Amino acid sequence: MSAQENHEQTSMPEYYVDSFRMTSGAYGLTVTFGVSPPHPSPGQVTPAKDLVTLRMSLEHAKVMAMVLRRNLKNHERQSGAPINLPPQLYTQLGIALEDW
């Protein structure tokens, strides 16, 4: 078997996602990632296409959230610019800028 064939057999799938939904319970967290349609019809809500669902313990999810936040904060520090989000997004999600 060539190196190329071996790589193709062992490589993991990669996805670009621009949407997610999350649910949690007493024992774990489930996140489904998806991608929005490329040309949605104006005025119509078109659901994202689900690509992958991840399930994990609440402890794992908390550690992952902490590491993700740290990495994003480091990126903002190194680039010298914040990652800007539209103000209406904060309102839609019910979060405050101070939560960052």
C-alpha atoms as a PDB file:
ATOM      1  CA  MET A   1       0.000   0.000   0.000  1.00  0.00           C
ATOM      2  CA  SER A   2       1.368   3.419  -0.933  1.00  0.00           C
ATOM      3  CA  ALA A   3       1.660   6.287   1.553  1.00  0.00           C
ATOM      4  CA  GLN A   4      -1.094   8.120  -0.347  1.00  0.00           C
ATOM      5  CA  GLU A   5      -3.469   5.138  -0.113  1.00  0.00           C
ATOM      6  CA  ASN A   6      -2.717   4.724   3.586  1.00  0.00           C
ATOM      7  CA  HIS A   7      -3.394   8.444   4.218  1.00  0.00           C
ATOM      8  CA  GLU A   8      -6.713   8.269   2.361  1.00  0.00           C
ATOM      9  CA  GLN A   9      -7.846   5.280   4.433  1.00  0.00           C
ATOM     10  CA  THR A  10      -6.934   6.821   7.791  1.00  0.00           C
ATOM     11  CA  SER A  11      -7.812  10.474   7.226  1.00  0.00           C
ATOM     12  CA  MET A  12     -10.687  11.968   9.193  1.00  0.00           C
ATOM     13  CA  PRO A  13     -13.509  13.911   7.573  1.00  0.00           C
ATOM     14  CA  GLU A  14     -13.278  17.702   7.723  1.00  0.00           C
ATOM     15  CA  TYR A  15     -16.237  20.076   7.746  1.00  0.00           C
ATOM     16  CA  TYR A  16     -16.864  23.789   7.470  1.00  0.00           C
ATOM     17  CA  VAL A  17     -19.819  24.729   9.680  1.00  0.00           C
ATOM     18  CA  ASP A  18     -21.684  27.973  10.163  1.00  0.00           C
ATOM     19  CA  SER A  19     -24.489  26.843  12.447  1.00  0.00           C
ATOM     20  CA  PHE A  20     -24.975  24.752  15.548  1.00  0.00           C
ATOM     21  CA  ARG A  21     -27.620  23.724  18.023  1.00  0.00           C
ATOM     22  CA  MET A  22     -26.991  22.423  21.479  1.00  0.00           C
ATOM     23  CA  THR A  23     -28.894  20.498  24.126  1.00  0.00           C
ATOM     24  CA  SER A  24     -27.748  19.364  27.532  1.00  0.00           C
ATOM     25  CA  GLY A  25     -29.015  17.024  30.188  1.00  0.00           C
ATOM     26  CA  ALA A  26     -27.925  15.756  33.567  1.00  0.00           C
ATOM     27  CA  TYR A  27     -25.222  13.522  32.086  1.00  0.00           C
ATOM     28  CA  GLY A  28     -24.031  15.178  28.922  1.00  0.00           C
ATOM     29  CA  LEU A  29     -24.138  17.677  26.112  1.00  0.00           C
ATOM     30  CA  THR A  30     -25.032  17.199  22.450  1.00  0.00           C
ATOM     31  CA  VAL A  31     -23.987  19.647  19.734  1.00  0.00           C
ATOM     32  CA  THR A  32     -25.087  19.292  16.121  1.00  0.00           C
ATOM     33  CA  PHE A  33     -23.096  21.327  13.604  1.00  0.00           C
ATOM     34  CA  GLY A  34     -24.449  22.234  10.194  1.00  0.00           C
ATOM     35  CA  VAL A  35     -24.077  24.452   7.187  1.00  0.00           C
ATOM     36  CA  SER A  36     -26.576  27.025   5.959  1.00  0.00           C
ATOM     37  CA  PRO A  37     -27.969  26.843   2.430  1.00  0.00           C
ATOM     38  CA  PRO A  38     -25.925  28.881  -0.059  1.00  0.00           C
ATOM     39  CA  HIS A  39     -28.848  30.866  -1.488  1.00  0.00           C
ATOM     40  CA  PRO A  40     -31.765  31.050   0.958  1.00  0.00           C
ATOM     41  CA  SER A  41     -35.021  32.525  -0.291  1.00  0.00           C
ATOM     42  CA  PRO A  42     -35.624  36.036   1.077  1.00  0.00           C
ATOM     43  CA  GLY A  43     -38.128  36.077   3.922  1.00  0.00           C
ATOM     44  CA  GLN A  44     -38.105  32.291   4.353  1.00  0.00           C
ATOM     45  CA  VAL A  45     -36.376  30.422   7.142  1.00  0.00           C
ATOM     46  CA  THR A  46     -34.378  27.590   5.643  1.00  0.00           C
ATOM     47  CA  PRO A  47     -32.871  25.215   8.183  1.00  0.00           C
ATOM     48  CA  ALA A  48     -29.205  24.357   8.056  1.00  0.00           C
ATOM     49  CA  LYS A  49     -28.116  20.974   6.764  1.00  0.00           C
ATOM     50  CA  ASP A  50     -26.869  18.860   9.681  1.00  0.00           C
ATOM     51  CA  LEU A  51     -23.331  17.552   9.102  1.00  0.00           C
ATOM     52  CA  VAL A  52     -22.160  16.028  12.379  1.00  0.00           C
ATOM     53  CA  THR A  53     -23.386  15.475  15.938  1.00  0.00           C
ATOM     54  CA  LEU A  54     -20.969  15.401  18.876  1.00  0.00           C
ATOM     55  CA  ARG A  55     -21.864  14.021  22.278  1.00  0.00           C
ATOM     56  CA  MET A  56     -19.718  14.568  25.363  1.00  0.00           C
ATOM     57  CA  SER A  57     -19.800  14.735  29.134  1.00  0.00           C
ATOM     58  CA  LEU A  58     -20.578  18.060  30.762  1.00  0.00           C
ATOM     59  CA  GLU A  59     -17.072  18.090  32.220  1.00  0.00           C
ATOM     60  CA  HIS A  60     -15.524  17.624  28.776  1.00  0.00           C
ATOM     61  CA  ALA A  61     -17.751  20.360  27.345  1.00  0.00           C
ATOM     62  CA  LYS A  62     -16.701  22.787  30.091  1.00  0.00           C
ATOM     63  CA  VAL A  63     -12.995  22.128  29.541  1.00  0.00           C
ATOM     64  CA  MET A  64     -13.458  22.477  25.777  1.00  0.00           C
ATOM     65  CA  ALA A  65     -15.287  25.805  26.242  1.00  0.00           C
ATOM     66  CA  MET A  66     -12.497  27.101  28.481  1.00  0.00           C
ATOM     67  CA  VAL A  67      -9.767  26.083  26.011  1.00  0.00           C
ATOM     68  CA  LEU A  68     -11.699  27.524  23.060  1.00  0.00           C
ATOM     69  CA  ARG A  69     -12.191  30.839  24.884  1.00  0.00           C
ATOM     70  CA  ARG A  70      -8.494  30.994  25.780  1.00  0.00           C
ATOM     71  CA  ASN A  71      -7.475  30.378  22.169  1.00  0.00           C
ATOM     72  CA  LEU A  72      -9.849  33.014  20.809  1.00  0.00           C
ATOM     73  CA  LYS A  73      -8.677  35.549  23.411  1.00  0.00           C
ATOM     74  CA  ASN A  74      -5.045  34.805  22.447  1.00  0.00           C
ATOM     75  CA  HIS A  75      -5.916  35.355  18.789  1.00  0.00           C
ATOM     76  CA  GLU A  76      -7.487  38.723  19.600  1.00  0.00           C
ATOM     77  CA  ARG A  77      -4.443  39.743  21.658  1.00  0.00           C
ATOM     78  CA  GLN A  78      -1.965  38.684  18.968  1.00  0.00           C
ATOM     79  CA  SER A  79      -3.902  40.296  16.124  1.00  0.00           C
ATOM     80  CA  GLY A  80      -4.550  43.457  18.135  1.00  0.00           C
ATOM     81  CA  ALA A  81      -8.211  43.425  17.104  1.00  0.00           C
ATOM     82  CA  PRO A  82     -11.341  41.940  18.602  1.00  0.00           C
ATOM     83  CA  ILE A  83     -13.404  39.393  16.717  1.00  0.00           C
ATOM     84  CA  ASN A  84     -16.449  41.570  16.057  1.00  0.00           C
ATOM     85  CA  LEU A  85     -19.977  40.197  16.165  1.00  0.00           C
ATOM     86  CA  PRO A  86     -23.132  42.004  15.017  1.00  0.00           C
ATOM     87  CA  PRO A  87     -24.996  43.598  17.966  1.00  0.00           C
ATOM     88  CA  GLN A  88     -28.251  41.849  16.972  1.00  0.00           C
ATOM     89  CA  LEU A  89     -26.532  38.491  17.472  1.00  0.00           C
ATOM     90  CA  TYR A  90     -26.037  39.238  21.174  1.00  0.00           C
ATOM     91  CA  THR A  91     -29.733  40.094  21.449  1.00  0.00           C
ATOM     92  CA  GLN A  92     -30.875  36.983  19.555  1.00  0.00           C
ATOM     93  CA  LEU A  93     -28.741  34.704  21.740  1.00  0.00           C
ATOM     94  CA  GLY A  94     -29.602  36.495  24.983  1.00  0.00           C
ATOM     95  CA  ILE A  95     -25.975  37.128  25.871  1.00  0.00           C
ATOM     96  CA  ALA A  96     -24.095  40.273  26.798  1.00  0.00           C
ATOM     97  CA  LEU A  97     -20.767  41.504  25.453  1.00  0.00           C
ATOM     98  CA  GLU A  98     -19.526  41.355  29.060  1.00  0.00           C
ATOM     99  CA  ASP A  99     -19.987  37.553  28.950  1.00  0.00           C
ATOM    100  CA  TRP A 100     -16.952  37.456  26.682  1.00  0.00           C
END
